[in-house]
Amino acid sequence: MSERSGKWYFTDLPTMDYQTGWDLQKHLLNLKKEDKNFPDVVLFLEHWPVFTLGRRGGMQNLKVSQRLVRQSGIEIIPVERGGDITYHGPGQLVGYPVINLPGNGLKVVDYVGRLEETMIRTVSGWGIIAARNDLNRGIWVENRKLGSIGIAVKRGVSFHGFALNVDVSLKPYEWINPCGLKDASMTSMARETGGPVLLSQVRIAMRRQMSRIFKINWQSITLCQLNRLMETV
């Protein structure tokens, strides 16, 4: 794989509902498919509580009734990423790189490996020793899953991405077989360290590690600047 150094745009977003974040990704994806010169963009954000179902499905891995889930205020949304059912909620850092893989000299397996490495190095800054696991892509602390990966690729452009449990409620995971794994448990950085972990600090660390591992330079832009950029195409 060739090593390339390029500039990616980075936008730090607030907590938002899943549909809004998904629509933003799809808009970026369409622009990149139409214009090969449109820049690569990475979004960092948190979501309000939601269960998402990947291409493998996942409803069979929901252990409670859909009615109970909806009464609790949690949406259930099928999406086109890889994987099975998972949960997103406040306190979880979600990253959506909308990037051209061939343009960055990346194959899918290399890309996923680098996302895992980014999370592994990030959590090591809090004294957490995480690793890959042949059971499922993502990062693990022993038999506890700490970070997940689910991507989709269209015409060489990858979207969706990773989710790192920083200080997220783990209760909703009890309602599912996360990622379709019946004997796996989920964990968070806060649980592993035994104390609170500031997501704002993890955002900074993740961005730094991502820059090193992908050999990129960031240009930070606000959501308003991103919207103006999208309008010019």
Protein backbone atom coordinates (compact mmCIF):
# COMPACT_ATOMS: atom_id res chain seq x y z
CA MET A 1 0.00 0.00 0.00
CA SER A 2 1.40 3.38 -0.90
CA GLU A 3 1.87 5.93 1.87
CA ARG A 4 0.32 9.30 1.06
CA SER A 5 0.18 12.49 3.04
CA GLY A 6 -2.84 14.66 2.40
CA LYS A 7 -5.22 17.13 3.95
CA TRP A 8 -8.58 16.08 5.32
CA TYR A 9 -11.26 18.42 6.56
CA PHE A 10 -12.38 17.84 10.13
CA THR A 11 -15.66 18.96 11.70
CA ASP A 12 -16.39 18.58 15.41
CA LEU A 13 -20.15 18.31 15.83
CA PRO A 14 -22.47 18.36 18.85
CA THR A 15 -24.82 15.58 19.91
CA MET A 16 -27.43 15.00 17.20
CA ASP A 17 -30.11 12.52 16.22
CA TYR A 18 -28.95 9.64 14.05
CA GLN A 19 -30.94 10.64 10.97
CA THR A 20 -29.35 14.10 10.85
CA GLY A 21 -25.84 12.65 10.99
CA TRP A 22 -26.73 10.01 8.42
CA ASP A 23 -28.19 12.59 6.03
CA LEU A 24 -25.02 14.68 6.33
CA GLN A 25 -22.88 11.66 5.48
CA LYS A 26 -25.01 10.81 2.45
CA HIS A 27 -24.81 14.39 1.20
CA LEU A 28 -21.02 14.30 1.47
CA LEU A 29 -20.94 10.88 -0.20
CA ASN A 30 -22.96 12.11 -3.18
CA LEU A 31 -20.74 15.17 -3.58
CA LYS A 32 -17.62 13.03 -3.56
CA LYS A 33 -19.11 10.66 -6.13
CA GLU A 34 -19.96 13.61 -8.39
CA ASP A 35 -16.69 15.53 -7.94
CA LYS A 36 -13.47 13.59 -7.44
CA ASN A 37 -11.81 16.79 -6.19
CA PHE A 38 -14.26 17.29 -3.35
CA PRO A 39 -12.21 16.98 -0.14
CA ASP A 40 -12.21 14.08 2.30
CA VAL A 41 -14.17 14.97 5.44
CA VAL A 42 -14.19 13.44 8.92
CA LEU A 43 -17.08 14.08 11.32
CA PHE A 44 -16.80 13.58 15.09
CA LEU A 45 -20.05 13.59 17.08
CA GLU A 46 -22.32 11.91 19.62
CA HIS A 47 -25.80 10.56 18.94
CA TRP A 48 -28.98 10.61 20.94
CA PRO A 49 -30.00 7.04 21.93
CA VAL A 50 -30.57 4.77 18.93
CA PHE A 51 -30.20 1.14 17.89
CA THR A 52 -28.96 0.72 14.33
CA LEU A 53 -29.14 -2.44 12.23
CA GLY A 54 -26.35 -3.20 9.76
CA ARG A 55 -26.47 -5.17 6.53
CA ARG A 56 -26.51 -8.46 8.45
CA GLY A 57 -29.81 -7.46 9.98
CA GLY A 58 -30.09 -7.59 13.71
CA MET A 59 -33.72 -7.68 14.80
CA GLN A 60 -33.19 -11.32 15.80
CA ASN A 61 -30.57 -10.02 18.23
CA LEU A 62 -32.94 -7.61 19.95
CA LYS A 63 -33.75 -9.32 23.25
CA VAL A 64 -36.71 -7.13 24.27
CA SER A 65 -39.84 -6.05 22.43
CA GLN A 66 -39.73 -3.21 19.92
CA ARG A 67 -42.55 -1.62 21.87
CA LEU A 68 -40.44 -1.48 25.02
CA VAL A 69 -37.56 0.05 23.07
CA ARG A 70 -39.73 2.75 21.56
CA GLN A 71 -41.42 3.47 24.90
CA SER A 72 -37.94 4.13 26.27
CA GLY A 73 -37.39 6.77 23.59
CA ILE A 74 -34.80 4.80 21.61
CA GLU A 75 -35.18 4.63 17.83
CA ILE A 76 -34.46 1.53 15.73
CA ILE A 77 -32.98 2.38 12.32
CA PRO A 78 -31.72 0.03 9.56
CA VAL A 79 -28.64 1.36 7.75
CA GLU A 80 -26.29 0.25 4.99
CA ARG A 81 -23.12 -0.17 7.06
CA GLY A 82 -21.59 -3.57 7.71
CA GLY A 83 -22.27 -5.51 10.88
CA ASP A 84 -25.31 -6.33 13.00
CA ILE A 85 -27.24 -4.44 15.69
CA THR A 86 -25.46 -1.90 17.86
CA TYR A 87 -26.26 1.02 20.14
CA HIS A 88 -25.27 4.69 19.98
CA GLY A 89 -25.82 7.19 22.76
CA PRO A 90 -24.36 10.23 24.53
CA GLY A 91 -20.92 9.54 25.95
CA GLN A 92 -19.88 7.52 22.91
CA LEU A 93 -17.49 9.09 20.40
CA VAL A 94 -18.66 8.39 16.86
CA GLY A 95 -16.42 9.09 13.88
CA TYR A 96 -17.63 9.23 10.29
CA PRO A 97 -14.76 9.56 7.80
CA VAL A 98 -16.23 10.20 4.35
CA ILE A 99 -13.08 9.56 2.36
CA ASN A 100 -11.93 8.20 -0.97
CA LEU A 101 -10.04 5.01 -0.17
CA PRO A 102 -8.11 4.56 -3.46
CA GLY A 103 -7.27 8.26 -3.44
CA ASN A 104 -5.57 7.74 -0.08
CA GLY A 105 -3.84 4.53 -1.11
CA LEU A 106 -6.09 2.45 1.14
CA LYS A 107 -7.73 -0.92 0.71
CA VAL A 108 -10.74 -1.74 2.87
CA VAL A 109 -8.84 -4.17 5.11
CA ASP A 110 -6.02 -1.61 5.60
CA TYR A 111 -8.53 1.11 6.38
CA VAL A 112 -10.40 -0.92 9.00
CA GLY A 113 -7.09 -1.94 10.58
CA ARG A 114 -6.03 1.67 10.86
CA LEU A 115 -9.32 2.66 12.48
CA GLU A 116 -8.77 -0.10 15.04
CA GLU A 117 -5.20 1.05 15.63
CA THR A 118 -6.40 4.64 16.10
CA MET A 119 -8.77 3.53 18.87
CA ILE A 120 -6.17 1.23 20.48
CA ARG A 121 -3.59 4.01 20.70
CA THR A 122 -6.17 6.53 21.87
CA VAL A 123 -7.37 4.49 24.85
CA SER A 124 -3.79 3.61 25.80
CA GLY A 125 -3.46 7.24 26.86
CA TRP A 126 -5.83 6.40 29.71
CA GLY A 127 -3.88 3.27 30.67
CA ILE A 128 -6.30 0.92 28.90
CA ILE A 129 -4.72 -2.01 27.07
CA ALA A 130 -6.99 -2.88 24.17
CA ALA A 131 -6.47 -5.23 21.25
CA ARG A 132 -8.10 -6.72 18.19
CA ASN A 133 -10.17 -9.89 18.47
CA ASP A 134 -10.80 -12.45 15.74
CA LEU A 135 -14.35 -12.75 17.07
CA ASN A 136 -15.39 -9.36 15.69
CA ARG A 137 -13.79 -6.26 14.23
CA GLY A 138 -13.24 -3.39 16.63
CA ILE A 139 -11.21 -3.20 19.85
CA TRP A 140 -11.49 -5.32 22.97
CA VAL A 141 -10.29 -5.39 26.56
CA GLU A 142 -10.02 -9.12 27.20
CA ASN A 143 -13.55 -10.39 26.33
CA ARG A 144 -15.21 -6.98 26.64
CA LYS A 145 -15.81 -4.90 23.52
CA LEU A 146 -14.80 -1.26 23.84
CA GLY A 147 -14.96 0.07 20.29
CA SER A 148 -16.90 -0.95 17.18
CA ILE A 149 -16.40 -0.49 13.45
CA GLY A 150 -19.02 -0.60 10.72
CA ILE A 151 -18.41 0.92 7.31
CA ALA A 152 -19.94 1.05 3.86
CA VAL A 153 -18.15 1.76 0.59
CA LYS A 154 -19.67 3.11 -2.63
CA ARG A 155 -17.56 3.82 -5.72
CA GLY A 156 -14.45 3.80 -3.57
CA VAL A 157 -15.81 6.27 -1.01
CA SER A 158 -16.11 4.99 2.55
CA PHE A 159 -18.68 6.30 5.02
CA HIS A 160 -20.04 5.34 8.45
CA GLY A 161 -17.04 4.47 10.64
CA PHE A 162 -16.27 3.80 14.30
CA ALA A 163 -17.88 4.14 17.72
CA LEU A 164 -15.77 4.28 20.89
CA ASN A 165 -17.50 3.85 24.25
CA VAL A 166 -16.08 6.63 26.41
CA ASP A 167 -18.59 7.22 29.21
CA VAL A 168 -21.78 5.92 27.59
CA SER A 169 -24.57 4.14 29.46
CA LEU A 170 -24.10 0.40 29.01
CA LYS A 171 -27.67 -0.44 30.06
CA PRO A 172 -29.12 -0.45 26.49
CA TYR A 173 -26.55 -3.05 25.47
CA GLU A 174 -28.31 -5.46 27.83
CA TRP A 175 -31.30 -5.36 25.47
CA ILE A 176 -29.33 -6.70 22.50
CA ASN A 177 -26.71 -9.21 21.45
CA PRO A 178 -24.29 -6.45 20.46
CA CYS A 179 -22.89 -6.94 16.96
CA GLY A 180 -24.81 -10.24 16.95
CA LEU A 181 -22.51 -11.75 19.60
CA LYS A 182 -24.45 -13.70 22.22
CA ASP A 183 -21.61 -14.23 24.67
CA ALA A 184 -19.91 -10.84 24.40
CA SER A 185 -20.23 -7.95 26.83
CA MET A 186 -19.66 -4.26 26.20
CA THR A 187 -17.51 -1.94 28.23
CA SER A 188 -16.47 1.71 28.28
CA MET A 189 -13.35 3.70 29.05
CA ALA A 190 -15.02 4.95 32.21
CA ARG A 191 -15.74 1.41 33.39
CA GLU A 192 -12.22 0.23 32.60
CA THR A 193 -10.56 3.15 34.39
CA GLY A 194 -13.01 3.18 37.29
CA GLY A 195 -13.72 6.89 36.96
CA PRO A 196 -15.13 9.56 34.65
CA VAL A 197 -13.48 10.16 31.29
CA LEU A 198 -14.04 13.45 29.47
CA LEU A 199 -15.19 12.89 25.92
CA SER A 200 -13.78 16.27 24.92
CA GLN A 201 -10.30 15.02 25.79
CA VAL A 202 -10.86 11.75 23.92
CA ARG A 203 -11.92 13.70 20.83
CA ILE A 204 -8.58 15.54 20.89
CA ALA A 205 -6.57 12.36 21.44
CA MET A 206 -8.44 10.47 18.73
CA ARG A 207 -7.88 13.23 16.23
CA ARG A 208 -4.15 13.33 17.06
CA GLN A 209 -3.76 9.56 16.69
CA MET A 210 -5.77 9.49 13.48
CA SER A 211 -3.48 12.12 11.99
CA ARG A 212 -0.42 10.04 12.83
CA ILE A 213 -1.77 6.67 11.69
CA PHE A 214 -3.31 7.88 8.44
CA LYS A 215 -0.44 10.34 7.80
CA ILE A 216 -2.73 13.29 7.20
CA ASN A 217 -2.94 16.97 8.00
CA TRP A 218 -6.21 18.32 9.35
CA GLN A 219 -8.00 21.49 8.39
CA SER A 220 -10.69 22.18 10.95
CA ILE A 221 -13.92 23.68 9.68
CA THR A 222 -17.16 24.46 11.46
CA LEU A 223 -20.50 23.01 10.44
CA CYS A 224 -21.43 26.35 8.89
CA GLN A 225 -18.22 26.33 6.83
CA LEU A 226 -18.90 22.74 5.81
CA ASN A 227 -22.42 23.63 4.70
CA ARG A 228 -21.05 26.52 2.62
CA LEU A 229 -18.46 24.19 1.08
CA MET A 230 -21.18 21.70 0.13
CA GLU A 231 -23.31 24.46 -1.40
CA THR A 232 -20.53 25.53 -3.76
CA VAL A 233 -20.45 22.18 -5.58
